[in-house]
Amino acid sequence: MLLALKRYALPLALSACLYTTAYFVCGAKTGFFNVGFAVAILQAYSLRFADDLADYQQDVENGKALVSKPLLWCLLGISIGASIVLALVFQLFCMIAPTLLVVAILFAKRTLQKCLKMLFAPSVVLTLAQSLFSVNWILCAFAVVITAVNGILLFKGESK
C-alpha cells in the first residue's frame, strides 16, 4: 500500500508543488486552476508510467510490480494522449515538449534516460511559464536548481 502511494500519489504532489511555485514566482495573471495545471499533472503521470514500464521486469523480479504491463501501456497512452489533446485544444503548444520528452525517455537507453529525466521537471516549469505565465530570472534559477537536484538524485547511486 505504501509503495502504491509513493508511486502514484507522489507525481500529483510534486506537480502541484512545481506548478504552485511557478504560479507564484511568475506573478500569474490567470486563475490558479487552469488547463496548464491539468496538463502538468498528466505529464507527471506519463513520466511515472514510462518509468514503471522501463523498470517493469526488475519490478516483477523484486515483487514490486503493482499493475500489469498492458495496463501500464494503456495508462501511458491515455495520459500522453490527454496531455497532447488538452495542450492543442487550449493552444498551449509549448507544453507538448515535456510530453515528447517522456516519449524519448521511454525509448532511450539507461544513461540517456537518466539525463532526460533530469530535464523533465524544468521543462514542465518553463513551458508552463512560457504558455500561461511569464518567464523571469527567478524562474530560470529555479529551473537550474531543479535540474541539479534531479541530477543528484538520479545519479547518486552510480558513483559507488
Protein backbone atom coordinates (compact mmCIF):
# COMPACT_ATOMS: atom_id res chain seq x y z
CA MET A 1 0.00 0.00 0.00
CA LEU A 2 2.82 2.37 0.89
CA LEU A 3 4.57 1.59 -2.40
CA ALA A 4 1.38 2.39 -4.33
CA LEU A 5 1.03 5.72 -2.52
CA LYS A 6 4.68 6.56 -3.15
CA ARG A 7 4.49 5.72 -6.83
CA TYR A 8 1.09 7.14 -7.73
CA ALA A 9 0.44 9.95 -5.24
CA LEU A 10 3.91 11.46 -5.49
CA PRO A 11 3.51 12.66 -9.12
CA LEU A 12 0.38 14.57 -8.11
CA ALA A 13 2.05 16.12 -5.08
CA LEU A 14 5.23 17.08 -6.96
CA SER A 15 3.24 18.50 -9.87
CA ALA A 16 1.18 20.61 -7.51
CA CYS A 17 4.33 21.91 -5.79
CA LEU A 18 6.12 22.75 -9.04
CA TYR A 19 3.01 24.35 -10.52
CA THR A 20 2.34 26.39 -7.39
CA THR A 21 5.93 27.59 -7.27
CA ALA A 22 5.85 28.62 -10.93
CA TYR A 23 2.46 30.27 -10.44
CA PHE A 24 3.62 32.48 -7.60
CA VAL A 25 7.17 33.15 -8.85
CA CYS A 26 5.80 34.37 -12.18
CA GLY A 27 3.03 36.52 -10.71
CA ALA A 28 0.47 34.79 -12.88
CA LYS A 29 -2.40 36.78 -14.31
CA THR A 30 -4.55 33.70 -14.75
CA GLY A 31 -6.59 31.69 -12.27
CA PHE A 32 -4.75 29.08 -10.23
CA PHE A 33 -6.75 26.14 -11.54
CA ASN A 34 -6.45 26.11 -15.31
CA VAL A 35 -5.69 23.66 -18.09
CA GLY A 36 -1.94 24.07 -17.61
CA PHE A 37 -2.26 22.54 -14.16
CA ALA A 38 -4.11 19.54 -15.63
CA VAL A 39 -1.53 19.11 -18.40
CA ALA A 40 1.34 19.26 -15.90
CA ILE A 41 -0.29 16.53 -13.79
CA LEU A 42 -0.91 14.35 -16.86
CA GLN A 43 2.72 14.80 -17.89
CA ALA A 44 3.94 13.77 -14.43
CA TYR A 45 1.84 10.61 -14.61
CA SER A 46 3.14 9.95 -18.12
CA LEU A 47 6.66 10.02 -16.73
CA ARG A 48 5.63 7.73 -13.86
CA PHE A 49 4.07 5.18 -16.23
CA ALA A 50 7.05 5.35 -18.63
CA ASP A 51 9.43 4.80 -15.72
CA ASP A 52 7.34 1.85 -14.49
CA LEU A 53 7.44 0.34 -17.97
CA ALA A 54 11.21 0.76 -18.21
CA ASP A 55 11.68 -0.97 -14.83
CA TYR A 56 8.87 -3.50 -15.25
CA GLN A 57 10.97 -6.67 -15.47
CA GLN A 58 13.06 -5.69 -12.49
CA ASP A 59 9.91 -4.81 -10.51
CA VAL A 60 8.38 -8.21 -11.34
CA GLU A 61 11.54 -9.99 -10.17
CA ASN A 62 11.53 -7.98 -6.92
CA GLY A 63 7.78 -8.40 -6.37
CA LYS A 64 7.18 -4.66 -6.71
CA ALA A 65 5.12 -4.60 -9.91
CA LEU A 66 1.79 -3.07 -8.90
CA VAL A 67 -0.03 -3.30 -12.23
CA SER A 68 0.32 -5.36 -15.38
CA LYS A 69 2.43 -4.27 -18.31
CA PRO A 70 -0.57 -3.97 -20.68
CA LEU A 71 -2.33 -1.72 -18.15
CA LEU A 72 0.78 0.45 -17.85
CA TRP A 73 0.88 0.84 -21.64
CA CYS A 74 -2.81 1.76 -21.63
CA LEU A 75 -2.37 4.31 -18.82
CA LEU A 76 0.68 5.77 -20.55
CA GLY A 77 -1.22 6.13 -23.82
CA ILE A 78 -4.16 7.80 -22.09
CA SER A 79 -2.00 10.24 -20.15
CA ILE A 80 0.15 11.16 -23.16
CA GLY A 81 -2.86 11.45 -25.45
CA ALA A 82 -4.86 13.54 -22.98
CA SER A 83 -1.96 15.92 -22.31
CA ILE A 84 -1.35 16.47 -26.03
CA VAL A 85 -5.05 16.94 -26.81
CA LEU A 86 -5.50 19.45 -23.96
CA ALA A 87 -2.38 21.36 -24.98
CA LEU A 88 -3.57 21.54 -28.60
CA VAL A 89 -7.19 22.42 -27.82
CA PHE A 90 -6.22 25.20 -25.42
CA GLN A 91 -3.33 26.37 -27.63
CA LEU A 92 -0.59 25.64 -25.11
CA PHE A 93 1.71 24.41 -27.84
CA CYS A 94 4.94 24.73 -25.81
CA MET A 95 3.51 22.33 -23.25
CA ILE A 96 3.73 19.47 -25.72
CA ALA A 97 7.53 19.45 -25.31
CA PRO A 98 7.61 17.71 -21.89
CA THR A 99 5.25 15.04 -23.24
CA LEU A 100 7.60 14.41 -26.16
CA LEU A 101 10.43 14.24 -23.64
CA VAL A 102 8.56 11.43 -21.84
CA VAL A 103 8.33 9.51 -25.13
CA ALA A 104 12.08 9.97 -25.62
CA ILE A 105 12.72 8.79 -22.06
CA LEU A 106 10.64 5.69 -22.69
CA PHE A 107 12.76 4.58 -25.65
CA ALA A 108 16.19 5.81 -24.50
CA LYS A 109 18.95 3.65 -23.07
CA ARG A 110 19.57 3.75 -19.32
CA THR A 111 22.16 6.57 -19.03
CA LEU A 112 20.47 8.80 -21.59
CA GLN A 113 17.17 8.05 -19.88
CA LYS A 114 18.52 9.49 -16.61
CA CYS A 115 19.85 12.58 -18.35
CA LEU A 116 16.49 13.19 -20.00
CA LYS A 117 14.65 12.64 -16.70
CA MET A 118 16.81 15.40 -15.21
CA LEU A 119 15.34 17.79 -17.74
CA PHE A 120 11.70 16.79 -17.27
CA ALA A 121 10.66 18.93 -14.27
CA PRO A 122 12.43 22.08 -15.51
CA SER A 123 10.83 21.60 -18.94
CA VAL A 124 7.38 21.44 -17.36
CA VAL A 125 8.02 24.56 -15.28
CA LEU A 126 9.47 26.56 -18.18
CA THR A 127 6.79 25.55 -20.68
CA LEU A 128 4.09 26.41 -18.14
CA ALA A 129 5.67 29.82 -17.67
CA GLN A 130 6.01 30.33 -21.41
CA SER A 131 2.43 29.24 -22.10
CA LEU A 132 0.49 30.71 -19.18
CA PHE A 133 2.65 32.91 -17.01
CA SER A 134 5.82 34.80 -17.81
CA VAL A 135 9.42 33.66 -17.72
CA ASN A 136 11.67 35.62 -15.39
CA TRP A 137 15.15 35.21 -13.95
CA ILE A 138 13.88 33.76 -10.65
CA LEU A 139 12.03 31.02 -12.51
CA CYS A 140 15.10 30.30 -14.64
CA ALA A 141 17.22 30.00 -11.47
CA PHE A 142 14.55 27.68 -10.01
CA ALA A 143 14.74 25.53 -13.15
CA VAL A 144 18.54 25.27 -12.81
CA VAL A 145 18.19 24.23 -9.16
CA ILE A 146 15.56 21.60 -10.07
CA THR A 147 17.86 20.22 -12.76
CA ALA A 148 20.78 19.99 -10.32
CA VAL A 149 18.68 18.32 -7.62
CA ASN A 150 17.26 15.85 -10.16
CA GLY A 151 20.78 15.05 -11.34
CA ILE A 152 22.00 14.41 -7.81
CA LEU A 153 19.01 12.18 -7.01
CA LEU A 154 19.24 10.22 -10.27
CA PHE A 155 23.00 9.67 -10.33
CA LYS A 156 23.84 9.41 -6.59
CA GLY A 157 23.97 5.60 -6.57
CA GLU A 158 26.18 5.26 -9.65
CA SER A 159 29.37 6.65 -8.15
CA LYS A 160 29.63 3.83 -5.59
